[in-house]
Every structure is written in C-alpha cells, then in structure tokens.
C-alpha atoms as a PDB file:
ATOM      1  CA  MET A   1     132.443  59.129 191.213  1.00  0.00           C
ATOM      2  CA  THR A   2     136.251  58.431 191.949  1.00  0.00           C
ATOM      3  CA  SER A   3     135.213  59.349 195.853  1.00  0.00           C
ATOM      4  CA  PHE A   4     134.599  56.228 197.907  1.00  0.00           C
ATOM      5  CA  LYS A   5     131.136  57.764 198.806  1.00  0.00           C
ATOM      6  CA  ASN A   6     129.972  58.342 195.099  1.00  0.00           C
ATOM      7  CA  LEU A   7     131.102  54.730 194.148  1.00  0.00           C
ATOM      8  CA  PHE A   8     130.146  53.040 196.911  1.00  0.00           C
ATOM      9  CA  ARG A   9     126.605  54.522 196.425  1.00  0.00           C
ATOM     10  CA  ALA A  10     126.922  53.602 192.449  1.00  0.00           C
ATOM     11  CA  LEU A  11     127.599  49.849 193.264  1.00  0.00           C
ATOM     12  CA  TRP A  12     125.148  49.933 196.451  1.00  0.00           C
ATOM     13  CA  LYS A  13     122.033  50.948 194.278  1.00  0.00           C
ATOM     14  CA  PRO A  14     121.404  48.157 192.174  1.00  0.00           C
ATOM     15  CA  LYS A  15     122.199  45.676 194.901  1.00  0.00           C
ATOM     16  CA  LEU A  16     119.516  47.591 197.627  1.00  0.00           C
ATOM     17  CA  ARG A  17     116.826  47.339 194.750  1.00  0.00           C
ATOM     18  CA  THR A  18     117.687  43.374 193.893  1.00  0.00           C
ATOM     19  CA  MET A  19     117.319  43.194 198.010  1.00  0.00           C
ATOM     20  CA  ASN A  20     114.037  44.954 198.132  1.00  0.00           C
ATOM     21  CA  ARG A  21     112.690  42.566 195.187  1.00  0.00           C
ATOM     22  CA  ILE A  22     113.723  39.639 197.220  1.00  0.00           C
ATOM     23  CA  LEU A  23     111.828  41.069 200.010  1.00  0.00           C
ATOM     24  CA  LEU A  24     109.147  41.618 198.244  1.00  0.00           C
ATOM     25  CA  LEU A  25     108.416  38.423 197.284  1.00  0.00           C
ATOM     26  CA  TRP A  26     109.893  36.820 200.489  1.00  0.00           C
ATOM     27  CA  ALA A  27     106.421  38.523 202.282  1.00  0.00           C
ATOM     28  CA  LEU A  28     104.382  37.723 199.730  1.00  0.00           C
ATOM     29  CA  ALA A  29     105.356  34.130 199.918  1.00  0.00           C
ATOM     30  CA  ILE A  30     105.085  34.461 203.918  1.00  0.00           C
ATOM     31  CA  VAL A  31     101.676  36.042 203.211  1.00  0.00           C
ATOM     32  CA  VAL A  32     100.616  33.221 200.829  1.00  0.00           C
ATOM     33  CA  THR A  33     101.325  30.688 203.061  1.00  0.00           C
ATOM     34  CA  TRP A  34      99.838  31.768 206.113  1.00  0.00           C
ATOM     35  CA  VAL A  35      96.302  32.353 204.413  1.00  0.00           C
ATOM     36  CA  VAL A  36      96.850  28.250 202.990  1.00  0.00           C
ATOM     37  CA  THR A  37      98.083  27.424 206.560  1.00  0.00           C
ATOM     38  CA  GLY A  38      95.660  29.288 208.702  1.00  0.00           C
ATOM     39  CA  TRP A  39      92.761  28.458 206.369  1.00  0.00           C
ATOM     40  CA  SER A  40      93.279  24.753 206.315  1.00  0.00           C
ATOM     41  CA  GLN A  41      94.797  24.492 210.241  1.00  0.00           C
ATOM     42  CA  GLY A  42      93.136  27.720 211.995  1.00  0.00           C
ATOM     43  CA  TYR A  43      94.800  31.199 212.539  1.00  0.00           C
ATOM     44  CA  ARG A  44      94.376  31.179 216.263  1.00  0.00           C
ATOM     45  CA  GLY A  45      96.877  28.689 217.144  1.00  0.00           C
ATOM     46  CA  LEU A  46      99.281  29.455 214.130  1.00  0.00           C
ATOM     47  CA  ASP A  47     102.943  29.044 214.695  1.00  0.00           C
ATOM     48  CA  TYR A  48     104.066  32.360 213.170  1.00  0.00           C
ATOM     49  CA  SER A  49     107.808  32.310 214.265  1.00  0.00           C
ATOM     50  CA  GLY A  50     108.358  28.810 212.457  1.00  0.00           C
ATOM     51  CA  LEU A  51     106.439  30.131 209.454  1.00  0.00           C
ATOM     52  CA  LEU A  52     108.796  32.806 209.271  1.00  0.00           C
ATOM     53  CA  GLY A  53     111.663  30.931 210.040  1.00  0.00           C
ATOM     54  CA  GLY A  54     111.210  28.508 206.931  1.00  0.00           C
ATOM     55  CA  TRP A  55     111.003  31.452 204.387  1.00  0.00           C
ATOM     56  CA  THR A  56     113.771  33.577 206.234  1.00  0.00           C
ATOM     57  CA  GLY A  57     116.549  30.962 205.304  1.00  0.00           C
ATOM     58  CA  ILE A  58     115.153  30.459 201.636  1.00  0.00           C
ATOM     59  CA  GLY A  59     115.493  34.578 201.306  1.00  0.00           C
ATOM     60  CA  SER A  60     118.956  34.662 202.773  1.00  0.00           C
ATOM     61  CA  LEU A  61     120.051  32.042 200.073  1.00  0.00           C
ATOM     62  CA  VAL A  62     118.497  33.684 197.512  1.00  0.00           C
ATOM     63  CA  GLY A  63     119.897  37.163 198.695  1.00  0.00           C
ATOM     64  CA  LEU A  64     123.526  35.615 198.630  1.00  0.00           C
ATOM     65  CA  VAL A  65     123.284  33.694 195.210  1.00  0.00           C
ATOM     66  CA  GLY A  66     122.043  37.558 193.771  1.00  0.00           C
ATOM     67  CA  LEU A  67     124.425  39.688 195.315  1.00  0.00           C
ATOM     68  CA  ALA A  68     126.985  36.960 193.730  1.00  0.00           C
ATOM     69  CA  ALA A  69     125.803  37.425 190.481  1.00  0.00           C
ATOM     70  CA  HIS A  70     125.952  41.496 191.120  1.00  0.00           C
ATOM     71  CA  ASN A  71     129.736  40.582 191.757  1.00  0.00           C
ATOM     72  CA  GLU A  72     130.465  39.026 188.777  1.00  0.00           C
ATOM     73  CA  ARG A  73     128.702  41.651 186.627  1.00  0.00           C
ATOM     74  CA  VAL A  74     130.790  44.450 188.274  1.00  0.00           C
ATOM     75  CA  VAL A  75     134.034  42.744 187.253  1.00  0.00           C
ATOM     76  CA  ARG A  76     132.925  42.008 183.577  1.00  0.00           C
ATOM     77  CA  ASN A  77     130.533  45.403 183.046  1.00  0.00           C
ATOM     78  CA  ASP A  78     132.196  48.082 181.270  1.00  0.00           C
ATOM     79  CA  SER A  79     129.592  50.501 182.740  1.00  0.00           C
ATOM     80  CA  PHE A  80     131.830  49.807 185.983  1.00  0.00           C
ATOM     81  CA  ARG A  81     135.513  48.962 184.587  1.00  0.00           C
ATOM     82  CA  LEU A  82     135.333  52.133 183.146  1.00  0.00           C
ATOM     83  CA  ILE A  83     134.864  53.980 186.120  1.00  0.00           C
ATOM     84  CA  PRO A  84     138.353  56.050 186.670  1.00  0.00           C
ATOM     85  CA  VAL A  85     139.110  54.265 189.665  1.00  0.00           C
ATOM     86  CA  SER A  86     141.981  51.445 190.557  1.00  0.00           C
ATOM     87  CA  GLU A  87     140.752  48.087 189.991  1.00  0.00           C
ATOM     88  CA  THR A  88     141.572  47.582 193.934  1.00  0.00           C
ATOM     89  CA  LYS A  89     139.070  50.241 195.113  1.00  0.00           C
ATOM     90  CA  LEU A  90     136.755  48.515 192.895  1.00  0.00           C
ATOM     91  CA  TYR A  91     136.744  45.386 194.048  1.00  0.00           C
ATOM     92  CA  LEU A  92     137.109  46.137 197.345  1.00  0.00           C
ATOM     93  CA  THR A  93     134.054  48.644 197.636  1.00  0.00           C
ATOM     94  CA  ASN A  94     131.924  46.433 195.635  1.00  0.00           C
ATOM     95  CA  LEU A  95     132.811  43.802 198.009  1.00  0.00           C
ATOM     96  CA  LEU A  96     131.840  46.339 200.945  1.00  0.00           C
ATOM     97  CA  ALA A  97     128.478  47.246 198.962  1.00  0.00           C
ATOM     98  CA  THR A  98     127.612  43.408 198.806  1.00  0.00           C
ATOM     99  CA  PHE A  99     128.251  42.914 202.323  1.00  0.00           C
ATOM    100  CA  GLY A 100     126.458  45.998 203.289  1.00  0.00           C
ATOM    101  CA  ALA A 101     123.423  44.997 200.912  1.00  0.00           C
ATOM    102  CA  TYR A 102     123.178  41.448 202.762  1.00  0.00           C
ATOM    103  CA  LEU A 103     123.010  43.222 206.300  1.00  0.00           C
ATOM    104  CA  TYR A 104     120.004  45.524 205.202  1.00  0.00           C
ATOM    105  CA  LEU A 105     118.377  41.933 203.804  1.00  0.00           C
ATOM    106  CA  CYS A 106     119.267  40.299 206.984  1.00  0.00           C
ATOM    107  CA  ALA A 107     118.112  43.038 209.528  1.00  0.00           C
ATOM    108  CA  VAL A 108     114.992  43.213 207.857  1.00  0.00           C
ATOM    109  CA  GLU A 109     114.408  39.258 208.024  1.00  0.00           C
ATOM    110  CA  THR A 110     115.335  39.273 211.720  1.00  0.00           C
ATOM    111  CA  VAL A 111     113.391  42.112 212.609  1.00  0.00           C
ATOM    112  CA  ALA A 112     110.448  40.195 211.274  1.00  0.00           C
ATOM    113  CA  PHE A 113     111.395  37.276 213.150  1.00  0.00           C
ATOM    114  CA  GLY A 114     111.702  38.631 216.372  1.00  0.00           C
ATOM    115  CA  LEU A 115     108.257  40.341 216.018  1.00  0.00           C
ATOM    116  CA  SER A 116     107.079  36.582 214.809  1.00  0.00           C
ATOM    117  CA  LEU A 117     108.610  35.477 218.101  1.00  0.00           C
ATOM    118  CA  VAL A 118     106.711  37.757 220.172  1.00  0.00           C
ATOM    119  CA  ILE A 119     103.237  37.159 218.633  1.00  0.00           C
ATOM    120  CA  THR A 120     103.806  33.243 219.146  1.00  0.00           C
ATOM    121  CA  HIS A 121     105.734  33.348 222.524  1.00  0.00           C
ATOM    122  CA  PRO A 122     104.694  36.648 224.247  1.00  0.00           C
ATOM    123  CA  GLY A 123     107.028  35.944 227.176  1.00  0.00           C
ATOM    124  CA  ILE A 124     110.168  35.211 225.559  1.00  0.00           C
ATOM    125  CA  TRP A 125     111.710  38.501 225.537  1.00  0.00           C
ATOM    126  CA  ARG A 126     110.778  38.919 229.329  1.00  0.00           C
ATOM    127  CA  GLN A 127     112.091  36.018 230.168  1.00  0.00           C
ATOM    128  CA  ALA A 128     115.467  36.628 228.035  1.00  0.00           C
ATOM    129  CA  PHE A 129     115.838  39.905 229.634  1.00  0.00           C
ATOM    130  CA  GLN A 130     115.931  38.015 232.852  1.00  0.00           C
ATOM    131  CA  ILE A 131     118.672  35.785 232.422  1.00  0.00           C
ATOM    132  CA  ASN A 132     122.231  37.154 234.269  1.00  0.00           C
ATOM    133  CA  LEU A 133     125.228  37.224 231.998  1.00  0.00           C
ATOM    134  CA  SER A 134     128.174  38.253 233.604  1.00  0.00           C
ATOM    135  CA  PRO A 135     131.093  40.154 231.173  1.00  0.00           C
ATOM    136  CA  ASP A 136     133.824  38.035 232.545  1.00  0.00           C
ATOM    137  CA  GLU A 137     131.543  34.853 231.272  1.00  0.00           C
ATOM    138  CA  PRO A 138     133.226  33.352 227.862  1.00  0.00           C
ATOM    139  CA  TRP A 139     130.259  33.320 226.046  1.00  0.00           C
ATOM    140  CA  LEU A 140     131.274  36.978 224.921  1.00  0.00           C
ATOM    141  CA  ALA A 141     134.484  35.597 223.296  1.00  0.00           C
ATOM    142  CA  MET A 142     132.308  32.686 221.866  1.00  0.00           C
ATOM    143  CA  GLY A 143     129.790  35.351 220.432  1.00  0.00           C
ATOM    144  CA  LEU A 144     132.522  37.131 218.790  1.00  0.00           C
ATOM    145  CA  ALA A 145     133.813  34.164 217.351  1.00  0.00           C
ATOM    146  CA  VAL A 146     130.623  32.689 216.147  1.00  0.00           C
ATOM    147  CA  VAL A 147     130.050  36.389 214.474  1.00  0.00           C
ATOM    148  CA  LEU A 148     133.357  36.887 212.616  1.00  0.00           C
ATOM    149  CA  VAL A 149     133.178  32.850 211.262  1.00  0.00           C
ATOM    150  CA  LEU A 150     129.578  34.151 209.641  1.00  0.00           C
ATOM    151  CA  VAL A 151     131.212  37.127 208.441  1.00  0.00           C
ATOM    152  CA  LEU A 152     134.482  35.251 206.672  1.00  0.00           C
ATOM    153  CA  LEU A 153     131.874  32.688 205.515  1.00  0.00           C
ATOM    154  CA  LEU A 154     130.156  34.982 203.748  1.00  0.00           C
ATOM    155  CA  LEU A 155     132.725  37.094 202.022  1.00  0.00           C
ATOM    156  CA  GLY A 156     134.436  34.125 201.391  1.00  0.00           C
ATOM    157  CA  SER A 157     131.530  32.747 199.355  1.00  0.00           C
ATOM    158  CA  TRP A 158     131.639  35.545 197.293  1.00  0.00           C
ATOM    159  CA  ILE A 159     135.177  36.046 197.010  1.00  0.00           C
ATOM    160  CA  MET A 160     135.377  32.002 195.945  1.00  0.00           C
ATOM    161  CA  ILE A 161     132.532  32.799 193.509  1.00  0.00           C
ATOM    162  CA  THR A 162     134.908  35.573 191.767  1.00  0.00           C
ATOM    163  CA  LEU A 163     138.024  33.730 191.891  1.00  0.00           C
ATOM    164  CA  ILE A 164     136.569  30.593 189.874  1.00  0.00           C
ATOM    165  CA  HIS A 165     135.232  32.771 187.703  1.00  0.00           C
ATOM    166  CA  LEU A 166     138.333  35.139 187.245  1.00  0.00           C
ATOM    167  CA  LEU A 167     140.947  32.036 186.781  1.00  0.00           C
ATOM    168  CA  VAL A 168     138.157  30.435 184.397  1.00  0.00           C
ATOM    169  CA  ASN A 169     138.226  33.833 182.107  1.00  0.00           C
ATOM    170  CA  ALA A 170     142.025  33.983 182.340  1.00  0.00           C
ATOM    171  CA  LEU A 171     142.997  30.119 181.702  1.00  0.00           C
ATOM    172  CA  SER A 172     140.307  30.313 178.698  1.00  0.00           C
ATOM    173  CA  ALA A 173     142.288  32.638 176.918  1.00  0.00           C
ATOM    174  CA  PHE A 174     145.228  30.168 176.271  1.00  0.00           C
ATOM    175  CA  VAL A 175     142.973  28.213 174.523  1.00  0.00           C
ATOM    176  CA  PRO A 176     141.345  28.351 170.933  1.00  0.00           C
ATOM    177  CA  GLY A 177     138.099  29.978 170.249  1.00  0.00           C
ATOM    178  CA  VAL A 178     136.229  26.986 169.194  1.00  0.00           C
ATOM    179  CA  ARG A 179     133.696  26.087 171.297  1.00  0.00           C
ATOM    180  CA  GLN A 180     134.544  28.344 174.436  1.00  0.00           C
ATOM    181  CA  ARG A 181     131.320  27.380 176.546  1.00  0.00           C
ATOM    182  CA  VAL A 182     132.234  23.798 176.471  1.00  0.00           C
ATOM    183  CA  ILE A 183     135.916  24.603 177.323  1.00  0.00           C
ATOM    184  CA  LYS A 184     135.045  27.204 180.275  1.00  0.00           C
ATOM    185  CA  VAL A 185     132.621  24.465 181.720  1.00  0.00           C
ATOM    186  CA  LEU A 186     135.657  21.942 181.683  1.00  0.00           C
ATOM    187  CA  LEU A 187     138.125  24.348 183.116  1.00  0.00           C
ATOM    188  CA  ALA A 188     135.257  25.341 185.716  1.00  0.00           C
ATOM    189  CA  ILE A 189     135.318  21.857 187.301  1.00  0.00           C
ATOM    190  CA  VAL A 190     139.182  21.595 187.006  1.00  0.00           C
ATOM    191  CA  VAL A 191     139.241  24.807 189.116  1.00  0.00           C
ATOM    192  CA  VAL A 192     136.832  24.072 191.237  1.00  0.00           C
ATOM    193  CA  TRP A 193     138.334  20.477 192.068  1.00  0.00           C
ATOM    194  CA  GLY A 194     141.850  22.034 192.477  1.00  0.00           C
ATOM    195  CA  LEU A 195     140.339  24.484 195.114  1.00  0.00           C
ATOM    196  CA  VAL A 196     138.425  21.924 196.972  1.00  0.00           C
ATOM    197  CA  TYR A 197     141.930  20.022 196.936  1.00  0.00           C
ATOM    198  CA  LEU A 198     143.905  23.533 198.628  1.00  0.00           C
ATOM    199  CA  SER A 199     141.158  23.658 201.209  1.00  0.00           C
ATOM    200  CA  GLY A 200     141.361  20.378 202.542  1.00  0.00           C
ATOM    201  CA  TRP A 201     145.347  21.051 202.399  1.00  0.00           C
ATOM    202  CA  LEU A 202     144.853  24.467 204.309  1.00  0.00           C
ATOM    203  CA  LEU A 203     142.505  22.382 206.488  1.00  0.00           C
ATOM    204  CA  ASN A 204     145.454  20.050 207.168  1.00  0.00           C
ATOM    205  CA  LEU A 205     147.830  22.921 207.896  1.00  0.00           C
ATOM    206  CA  GLN A 206     145.318  24.443 210.305  1.00  0.00           C
ATOM    207  CA  THR A 207     145.212  21.366 212.384  1.00  0.00           C
ATOM    208  CA  TYR A 208     148.911  20.941 211.998  1.00  0.00           C
ATOM    209  CA  LEU A 209     149.286  24.425 213.381  1.00  0.00           C
ATOM    210  CA  THR A 210     146.732  24.436 216.263  1.00  0.00           C
ATOM    211  CA  ARG A 211     147.664  21.023 217.514  1.00  0.00           C
ATOM    212  CA  SER A 212     149.884  22.320 220.252  1.00  0.00           C
ATOM    213  CA  PHE A 213     146.979  25.179 221.431  1.00  0.00           C
ATOM    214  CA  SER A 214     143.867  24.330 223.435  1.00  0.00           C
ATOM    215  CA  GLY A 215     140.624  25.916 223.890  1.00  0.00           C
ATOM    216  CA  ASP A 216     140.054  29.673 222.684  1.00  0.00           C
ATOM    217  CA  GLY A 217     143.574  29.478 221.330  1.00  0.00           C
ATOM    218  CA  THR A 218     142.768  27.116 218.839  1.00  0.00           C
ATOM    219  CA  LEU A 219     139.450  29.196 217.769  1.00  0.00           C
ATOM    220  CA  TRP A 220     141.201  32.106 217.288  1.00  0.00           C
ATOM    221  CA  ILE A 221     144.605  30.777 215.140  1.00  0.00           C
ATOM    222  CA  SER A 222     141.903  29.387 212.949  1.00  0.00           C
ATOM    223  CA  LEU A 223     140.244  32.455 212.546  1.00  0.00           C
ATOM    224  CA  ALA A 224     143.458  34.252 211.825  1.00  0.00           C
ATOM    225  CA  LEU A 225     144.067  31.477 209.195  1.00  0.00           C
ATOM    226  CA  MET A 226     140.705  31.667 207.847  1.00  0.00           C
ATOM    227  CA  ALA A 227     141.044  35.357 207.327  1.00  0.00           C
ATOM    228  CA  LEU A 228     144.610  35.243 205.922  1.00  0.00           C
ATOM    229  CA  ALA A 229     143.485  32.507 203.271  1.00  0.00           C
ATOM    230  CA  GLU A 230     140.563  35.026 202.143  1.00  0.00           C
ATOM    231  CA  ALA A 231     142.914  38.163 201.845  1.00  0.00           C
ATOM    232  CA  LEU A 232     145.288  36.188 199.742  1.00  0.00           C
ATOM    233  CA  ALA A 233     142.158  35.057 197.623  1.00  0.00           C
ATOM    234  CA  VAL A 234     141.538  38.784 197.349  1.00  0.00           C
ATOM    235  CA  ALA A 235     145.047  39.825 196.209  1.00  0.00           C
ATOM    236  CA  ILE A 236     144.643  37.254 193.539  1.00  0.00           C
ATOM    237  CA  ASN A 237     141.335  38.315 192.366  1.00  0.00           C
ATOM    238  CA  ILE A 238     142.826  41.819 192.136  1.00  0.00           C
ATOM    239  CA  TYR A 239     145.643  40.879 190.218  1.00  0.00           C
ATOM    240  CA  LEU A 240     143.379  38.873 187.971  1.00  0.00           C
ATOM    241  CA  LEU A 241     141.008  42.076 187.584  1.00  0.00           C
ATOM    242  CA  LYS A 242     143.830  44.359 186.888  1.00  0.00           C
ATOM    243  CA  HIS A 243     145.912  42.027 184.395  1.00  0.00           C
ATOM    244  CA  TRP A 244     144.037  39.501 183.017  1.00  0.00           C
ATOM    245  CA  THR A 245     139.804  40.697 182.621  1.00  0.00           C
ATOM    246  CA  GLU A 246     138.956  42.881 180.302  1.00  0.00           C
ATOM    247  CA  ALA A 247     135.449  44.557 179.982  1.00  0.00           C
ATOM    248  CA  ARG A 248     132.549  43.123 178.026  1.00  0.00           C
ATOM    249  CA  TYR A 249     131.233  46.202 175.571  1.00  0.00           C
END
C-alpha cells in the first residue's frame, strides 16, 4: 500500500467508480433527450452534436464537484489518513488520481462528442485534415498555453476547495465547541472573502510584473505566476494536513 502504484490505485478506484456512475447518468440523460426531442421534432434532422454538447458541459461540472467531494473525504477519512505514508505523498497522489479520473471522464465525453459531429456533419473531419498548419505558426504556442491554463484552472479549483476546508477546520480549533456548524459557516465566509481579496491582489501584482512584457512574454509570465501561486497553496494544504487536521473516526 505504501508504494506509489498501490496508493494511486487505492485512491483512483473510488473516483473511477464515481466517474462511471456520472457517465451512466450522462448517457441516460442524452438518450431521454434524444427520444423526447426526436419524438417532437423528428429524428432525421436532429442535431446530435448540439444535444451532446449541452449535456457534456453538465456532466463535466458534476464530475468536477464529485471529485472535489472525494478529495475532502480523503483528507479527513481515517481509512486513508492511517495509511503509513507521509501527508505529502498522500495529498499529491490523491490530487494526481483526481486529475486522472477527470481526464478519463473528459476523454469519454470527447470521443462521444466527436462521433456526434461525424453523424451530424459528415464532412467536418475531412475539412479539418485538409487545413495546412505550419509548425512555425504561433497556434502551437497558443494551443499549449490554452492546455496549461485549463490544467492549472482545474487543479486550482480542487486545491482551493481543500485550502478553504483545511483553513476552516484549523481556525475552528480556536473557538468553543458550542454551535460549531454556525461558526464554521461564518469562518468559511471569512476565508473565502480573504482568498478572493488575495486573488485580486495577486492579479494586480501580475499586471505590475508583466506590464514591461508584450505578446507571448506576458502569457508565459502569467502562467508561471499562476503555477507558483498554486504550488504555494499546495504547500499550505500539506502543512495544515500534517499539523492541523486529524483523521475523523
């Protein structure tokens, strides 16, 4: 269990089961929508790509929230906290397993959406392959930047949720045990407000640091600052997990 492979598998399996349940509900929703829409408007001219596109956004959002819930169970559940590994290894492996599970969800949705495009617009892929793209064109750098932004935003959402959760639990240790739920709600509001204020300050700092750059330089400096902020948040999470968060039995 203490090896990375075994730990990753233990953290990955429950997330994978949740993603499969979401995909099952997603498929059922698409089938029901297809039947209802086709019955009322006719099946011949049905826009399958539009049908799947709407439900894909909802499925991705539900998956994002479901994996956030899994993350918070790991940091508090004794079944995982009592595994003989360091908090750093547990947290980072859990984050990696979460990211992998979400990639699995997105991959299935993307393949299904691609097939719907072929059905609705048969010539779209032939047209796409006929486009000549030079490797020297800036679209390569921009495409890489977009991917990195999406990855950082995705990881950042889970990192921030865990940060809020752990900060609220750490701060609640200094208040009386009476009405803990009410106090935790108030603390959560204060913590979220503080993080929003800090985010605004960081955005102003980013603007100040990148104003002397232009074009791609501004983009890559912004990405580096974003990654640095998330790395700092990860370090804080690991510290709180190690010193201020006990397993819940």
